[in-house]
Protein backbone atom coordinates (compact mmCIF):
# COMPACT_ATOMS: atom_id res chain seq x y z
CA MET A 1 -0.14 0.11 0.13
CA GLU A 2 0.78 3.61 -0.78
CA GLY A 3 -1.16 6.63 -0.23
CA ALA A 4 -3.55 8.17 2.51
CA VAL A 5 -6.47 6.81 3.95
CA VAL A 6 -8.25 9.06 6.01
CA VAL A 7 -11.30 8.00 8.74
CA GLY A 8 -14.16 10.25 9.36
CA ASP A 9 -17.42 9.66 10.53
CA GLY A 10 -17.95 6.81 7.88
CA PRO A 11 -15.52 4.16 6.04
CA PRO A 12 -12.51 4.80 5.32
CA LYS A 13 -11.56 6.89 2.25
CA ARG A 14 -8.49 6.18 0.23
CA LEU A 15 -6.65 9.25 -1.25
CA GLY A 16 -3.54 9.64 -3.26
CA LEU A 17 -0.54 11.29 -2.04
CA ASP A 18 -1.56 14.85 -3.73
CA GLU A 19 -4.82 14.72 -2.28
CA ALA A 20 -3.48 13.91 1.11
CA ALA A 21 -1.37 16.70 1.01
CA ALA A 22 -4.45 19.06 0.51
CA TYR A 23 -6.53 17.51 2.46
CA ARG A 24 -8.12 19.87 5.61
CA GLY A 25 -10.91 18.03 6.76
CA PRO A 26 -11.96 16.18 9.49
CA GLY A 27 -11.23 13.10 10.91
CA PHE A 28 -7.82 11.07 11.19
CA LEU A 29 -5.18 10.95 8.16
CA TRP A 30 -2.63 8.34 7.60
CA VAL A 31 0.13 9.00 4.78
CA HIS A 32 1.76 5.86 3.81
CA PHE A 33 5.12 5.94 1.47
CA GLU A 34 6.53 2.88 0.82
CA GLY A 35 9.63 2.14 -1.37
CA LYS A 36 12.85 4.01 -1.98
CA ASP A 37 11.23 6.69 -4.72
CA GLU A 38 13.38 9.86 -4.24
CA ASP A 39 10.49 12.28 -5.07
CA ASP A 40 8.67 10.81 -1.93
CA LEU A 41 11.72 10.89 0.31
CA ALA A 42 12.19 14.79 -0.86
CA ARG A 43 8.19 15.42 -0.52
CA LEU A 44 8.54 13.91 3.41
CA LYS A 45 11.21 16.60 3.90
CA THR A 46 9.33 19.58 2.81
CA GLN A 47 6.15 18.64 4.82
CA LYS A 48 5.61 21.90 7.19
CA ASP A 49 3.89 19.80 9.69
CA ILE A 50 6.83 17.74 10.42
CA PRO A 51 9.86 18.54 12.32
CA HIS A 52 13.20 18.52 10.31
CA VAL A 53 14.29 15.99 13.05
CA ALA A 54 11.30 13.67 12.64
CA ALA A 55 11.55 14.17 8.67
CA GLY A 56 15.38 13.12 8.93
CA ALA A 57 14.31 10.16 10.79
CA LEU A 58 11.87 9.38 8.50
CA VAL A 59 13.87 9.09 5.69
CA ALA A 60 17.16 7.52 7.00
CA THR A 61 18.76 4.66 5.16
CA GLU A 62 19.85 2.61 8.38
CA THR A 63 17.68 2.95 11.42
CA ARG A 64 17.00 0.96 15.03
CA PRO A 65 13.99 0.80 16.64
CA ARG A 66 13.17 3.72 18.97
CA CYS A 67 10.40 6.07 20.29
CA ASP A 68 10.98 9.83 20.77
CA ALA A 69 8.59 12.36 21.69
CA ILE A 70 9.14 16.02 19.20
CA ASP A 71 7.05 18.64 20.17
CA ASN A 72 3.38 17.32 20.24
CA GLY A 73 4.60 14.27 18.55
CA ALA A 74 6.49 11.07 18.24
CA ILE A 75 8.78 9.76 16.27
CA ILE A 76 8.85 5.72 16.06
CA ASN A 77 10.74 3.09 14.35
CA LEU A 78 9.53 -0.71 14.51
CA ARG A 79 10.84 -3.60 12.56
CA GLY A 80 9.04 -6.84 11.56
CA PRO A 81 8.59 -9.37 8.73
CA GLY A 82 8.17 -8.33 5.48
CA ASP A 83 9.76 -8.36 1.72
CA CYS A 84 13.82 -8.72 2.83
CA ASP A 85 16.49 -7.98 0.21
CA PRO A 86 18.40 -11.51 0.11
CA GLN A 87 22.14 -9.49 0.21
CA ASP A 88 21.02 -7.71 3.43
CA SER A 89 21.89 -8.55 6.51
CA ASP A 90 18.69 -7.51 8.18
CA ARG A 91 16.51 -10.23 8.32
CA LEU A 92 13.18 -7.35 9.52
CA VAL A 93 11.90 -4.76 7.17
CA SER A 94 11.84 -1.47 9.31
CA ILE A 95 8.52 0.78 9.43
CA ARG A 96 9.12 4.63 10.74
CA LEU A 97 6.02 6.77 11.77
CA TRP A 98 5.83 9.95 12.57
CA VAL A 99 2.45 10.51 14.69
CA THR A 100 0.41 13.33 15.82
CA HIS A 101 -3.27 13.60 17.36
CA ASN A 102 -4.92 13.82 13.84
CA LYS A 103 -2.50 12.45 11.42
CA VAL A 104 0.81 9.60 11.23
CA THR A 105 3.19 9.59 8.46
CA SER A 106 4.88 6.30 7.83
CA LEU A 107 7.59 4.87 5.68
CA SER A 108 8.56 1.45 4.72
CA ARG A 109 11.72 1.17 2.24
CA ARG A 110 10.38 -2.07 1.71
CA THR A 111 6.99 -4.29 1.87
CA LEU A 112 6.57 -4.58 5.34
CA SER A 113 3.46 -7.84 6.05
CA ALA A 114 1.87 -6.29 9.15
CA THR A 115 1.12 -2.94 6.82
CA ASN A 116 -1.96 -5.16 5.13
CA ALA A 117 -3.33 -6.72 8.59
CA VAL A 118 -2.98 -2.87 9.74
CA VAL A 119 -5.17 -1.89 6.54
CA ALA A 120 -7.50 -4.66 7.02
CA LYS A 121 -8.19 -3.36 10.69
CA MET A 122 -8.76 0.03 9.79
CA GLU A 123 -11.21 -0.86 6.77
CA ALA A 124 -12.96 -3.09 9.32
CA GLY A 125 -13.54 0.20 11.83
CA HIS A 126 -10.83 -0.63 14.65
CA VAL A 127 -8.83 1.75 14.18
CA GLN A 128 -10.09 5.31 14.48
CA ASP A 129 -7.28 7.45 15.92
CA SER A 130 -3.49 7.81 16.13
CA GLY A 131 -3.06 5.76 19.44
CA ASP A 132 -5.30 2.53 17.49
CA LEU A 133 -3.30 2.86 14.22
CA VAL A 134 -0.05 2.52 16.27
CA ALA A 135 -1.11 0.09 18.57
CA ALA A 136 -2.55 -1.94 15.72
CA TYR A 137 0.62 -1.99 14.07
CA ALA A 138 2.40 -3.34 17.25
CA TRP A 139 0.17 -5.82 17.56
CA ALA A 140 0.83 -7.20 14.04
CA ILE A 141 4.43 -7.07 14.02
CA SER A 142 4.72 -9.15 16.86
CA THR A 143 1.70 -11.62 16.28
CA GLU A 144 3.57 -12.21 13.25
CA LEU A 145 7.10 -12.27 13.96
CA ASP A 146 6.27 -14.45 17.55
CA PRO A 147 5.72 -18.28 15.37
CA GLN A 148 8.68 -17.28 13.24
CA VAL A 149 10.92 -17.44 16.51
CA ALA A 150 9.21 -20.20 17.93
CA GLY A 151 10.02 -22.11 14.71
CA LEU A 152 13.94 -21.68 15.29
CA GLY A 153 13.35 -23.44 18.77
CA ASP A 154 11.28 -26.25 17.01
CA THR A 155 14.32 -26.91 14.63
CA LEU A 156 16.66 -26.84 17.39
CA ASP A 157 14.00 -30.04 18.99
CA GLU A 158 14.25 -31.93 15.71
CA VAL A 159 17.85 -31.01 15.45
CA GLU A 160 18.56 -32.56 18.87
CA SER A 161 16.36 -35.59 18.05
CA ASP A 162 18.61 -36.25 14.95
CA LEU A 163 21.97 -36.22 16.85
CA GLU A 164 22.32 -39.51 16.60
CA SER A 165 22.10 -39.96 12.68
CA SER A 166 24.96 -40.08 10.74
CA GLN A 167 24.44 -36.70 8.94
CA LEU A 168 26.17 -34.71 11.40
CA TYR A 169 27.45 -32.01 8.62
CA ALA A 170 23.64 -31.29 7.46
CA LEU A 171 22.79 -30.68 11.06
CA ARG A 172 25.32 -28.27 11.48
CA ARG A 173 24.29 -26.21 8.57
CA ARG A 174 21.01 -26.07 10.23
CA ILE A 175 22.35 -25.26 13.50
CA THR A 176 24.36 -22.34 12.09
CA ALA A 177 21.24 -20.78 9.94
CA VAL A 178 19.15 -21.28 13.30
CA ARG A 179 21.80 -19.22 15.06
CA SER A 180 22.38 -16.71 12.16
CA ASP A 181 18.53 -16.09 12.43
CA ALA A 182 18.30 -15.62 15.90
CA ILE A 183 20.97 -13.27 15.88
CA GLY A 184 19.69 -11.37 13.23
CA PHE A 185 16.21 -10.93 15.10
CA ARG A 186 17.74 -10.54 18.48
CA ARG A 187 19.22 -7.09 17.23
CA PHE A 188 15.74 -5.47 16.33
CA VAL A 189 13.54 -7.56 18.78
CA ALA A 190 14.76 -6.11 21.91
CA PRO A 191 14.86 -2.72 20.57
CA ASP A 192 11.39 -3.24 19.90
CA ARG A 193 10.11 -3.94 23.15
CA ASP A 194 12.03 -0.93 24.42
CA ALA A 195 10.72 1.66 21.89
CA LEU A 196 7.05 0.13 22.74
CA ARG A 197 7.73 0.41 26.51
CA THR A 198 8.87 4.03 26.06
CA LEU A 199 5.67 4.87 23.50
CA ALA A 200 3.26 3.39 26.71
CA THR A 201 4.84 5.73 28.82
CA LEU A 202 4.69 9.02 27.01
CA ASP A 203 1.83 11.61 27.94
CA PHE A 204 -0.28 12.01 24.60
CA ASP A 205 -3.78 12.67 24.24
CA TRP A 206 -3.76 10.39 21.40
CA LEU A 207 -2.90 7.39 23.21
CA ALA A 208 -6.18 6.16 24.93
CA GLN A 209 -5.77 3.68 27.95
CA ASP A 210 -6.67 0.80 25.49
CA ASP A 211 -4.28 1.64 22.99
CA ARG A 212 -1.50 1.58 26.12
CA LEU A 213 -2.87 -1.59 26.99
CA HIS A 214 -2.48 -3.33 23.78
CA ILE A 215 1.02 -1.93 23.50
CA VAL A 216 2.16 -3.02 26.52
CA GLU A 217 0.78 -6.45 25.37
CA ALA A 218 3.25 -6.05 22.11
CA ALA A 219 6.10 -4.93 24.72
CA ASP A 220 5.64 -8.13 26.65
CA ARG A 221 5.54 -10.45 23.49
CA PHE A 222 8.49 -8.73 22.32
CA ALA A 223 10.32 -9.38 25.87
CA ARG A 224 9.49 -12.59 25.70
CA MET A 225 10.72 -13.58 22.02
CA ALA A 226 13.97 -11.56 22.85
CA GLU A 227 14.10 -14.29 25.79
CA GLU A 228 13.60 -17.05 23.46
CA LEU A 229 15.75 -15.94 21.04
CA GLU A 230 18.61 -15.58 23.73
CA ALA A 231 17.89 -19.12 24.60
CA VAL A 232 18.10 -20.30 21.38
CA ARG A 233 21.39 -18.88 20.61
CA GLU A 234 22.82 -20.57 23.68
CA ARG A 235 21.13 -23.83 22.38
CA ALA A 236 22.70 -23.55 19.28
CA ALA A 237 26.40 -22.99 20.58
CA LEU A 238 25.63 -26.17 22.79
CA LEU A 239 24.20 -28.23 20.12
CA HIS A 240 27.22 -27.08 17.57
CA GLU A 241 29.83 -27.94 20.45
CA GLN A 242 27.59 -31.44 20.99
CA ILE A 243 28.18 -32.03 17.09
CA THR A 244 32.00 -31.33 17.24
CA ASP A 245 32.13 -33.72 20.02
CA LEU A 246 30.54 -36.36 18.42
CA ARG A 247 32.27 -35.74 15.22
CA ALA A 248 35.46 -36.01 17.30
CA GLU A 249 34.64 -39.42 18.63
CA GLN A 250 33.51 -40.99 15.11
CA ILE A 251 36.93 -39.73 14.04
CA ASP A 252 38.71 -41.31 17.25
CA ASN A 253 36.34 -44.84 17.04
CA ARG A 254 37.44 -44.99 12.92
CA ALA A 255 41.27 -44.35 14.32
CA LEU A 256 41.24 -47.44 16.88
CA TYR A 257 39.48 -49.75 14.45
CA ILE A 258 42.27 -48.78 11.89
CA SER A 259 44.60 -49.52 14.68
CA ILE A 260 43.59 -52.58 15.54
CA VAL A 261 43.36 -53.96 11.51
CA ALA A 262 46.63 -52.68 11.00
CA PHE A 263 48.05 -54.20 14.80
CA ILE A 264 46.29 -57.67 13.56
CA PHE A 265 48.06 -57.52 10.38
CA LEU A 266 51.51 -56.30 11.81
CA PRO A 267 52.40 -59.97 12.88
CA LEU A 268 50.70 -61.48 9.89
CA THR A 269 52.95 -59.47 7.57
CA PHE A 270 55.81 -60.28 9.29
CA ILE A 271 55.72 -64.03 8.80
CA THR A 272 54.43 -63.79 5.52
CA GLY A 273 57.42 -61.53 4.71
CA LEU A 274 59.63 -63.71 6.11
CA PHE A 275 58.48 -67.21 4.37
CA GLY A 276 58.15 -65.37 1.40
CA MET A 277 61.93 -64.55 1.57
CA ASN A 278 63.37 -66.11 -2.41
CA VAL A 279 66.32 -67.44 -0.51
CA GLN A 280 67.66 -71.26 0.00
CA GLY A 281 66.86 -72.51 3.32
CA ILE A 282 63.21 -71.61 4.25
CA PRO A 283 61.97 -74.56 6.28
CA TYR A 284 59.64 -76.19 5.44
CA ALA A 285 59.63 -75.36 1.62
CA THR A 286 59.08 -78.39 0.35
CA HIS A 287 56.67 -80.14 2.67
CA ALA A 288 53.36 -80.92 0.99
CA SER A 289 51.04 -79.24 3.95
CA ALA A 290 53.41 -76.30 4.50
CA PHE A 291 51.20 -73.64 3.05
CA TRP A 292 48.12 -74.99 5.05
CA VAL A 293 49.90 -74.92 7.82
CA MET A 294 51.18 -71.28 8.15
CA VAL A 295 47.50 -70.13 7.04
CA ALA A 296 46.34 -72.20 10.06
CA ILE A 297 49.07 -70.31 12.16
CA CYS A 298 48.17 -66.80 10.60
CA VAL A 299 44.33 -67.14 11.38
CA ALA A 300 45.14 -68.11 15.02
CA ILE A 301 47.56 -65.58 15.70
CA GLY A 302 44.63 -63.22 13.86
CA VAL A 303 42.16 -64.50 15.98
CA GLY A 304 44.19 -63.95 19.08
CA VAL A 305 44.99 -60.55 18.81
CA PHE A 306 41.13 -59.64 18.28
CA GLY A 307 40.42 -61.78 21.14
CA TRP A 308 43.19 -59.62 23.18
CA PHE A 309 41.48 -56.67 22.01
CA TYR A 310 38.33 -57.90 22.87
CA TRP A 311 39.01 -58.86 26.34
CA ARG A 312 40.47 -55.24 26.73
CA HIS A 313 37.16 -53.88 25.62
CA TRP A 314 38.72 -52.02 22.99
CA ILE A 315 36.02 -53.13 20.04
CA ASN A 316 32.80 -52.78 22.22
CA ARG A 317 33.27 -50.34 24.46
């Protein structure tokens, strides 16, 4: 969505950006810019009802979640799921809002999934003022992000149940992906929580009591997600160490088996090499049963060495 929505006495009405700039009528106005169009960014900077500091925060290239009161309004930055650039390290899309009593100006450089949910609530008549809009964004972002964070924990549960499999390299890649996502989410989930808690304490008349309750509820959800992400990071680190230990144990076991085989064949190699020399005087060289006697001796030595390893519990440990 890009454009404006006005909420007056009747159902919400959609306006173009030019119509919104000229709108002076009654009701609550929400103007939303989406994308990186330079004309839209320049339009934001020239709007007289937006302080210079707030306009700079709206069009900033790099942002982090925040909430600051400026004069009679508040600049609010939040992060939520959306259409992320694969080349970008950020896992969440930013939404920047300048909120006053009867108008909200917002900008997102990429599509934020929560915007559609907010528009749907507005069309259903559940958003009537600035406080309702901010609370709707807080609710939508936290609701959409919650199952994604929970999914990281579920993935680690699956990895733990598959640790006995031989696909340790594949499990390690899954853990690395989960840990990377957890770090990316954690960068913004905790600041989202702090921004919403700060917003709930601001003394603005456009923040009704029910709006504050919804914002506090969303902040608590973000706090729980931050704690879960921290737990995911710690579990991922422990699982990575456990997989490393399992790999080392596998290598040790394989090295042991190779050593056992080499130790069994060491005396056999000596015997066969000794009796296989092409020199005169080899005992029983002309005896008819000499070959089978040597085979029996070699088998007996091999079984004896294997039995000694088994008795020492070096094979079935």
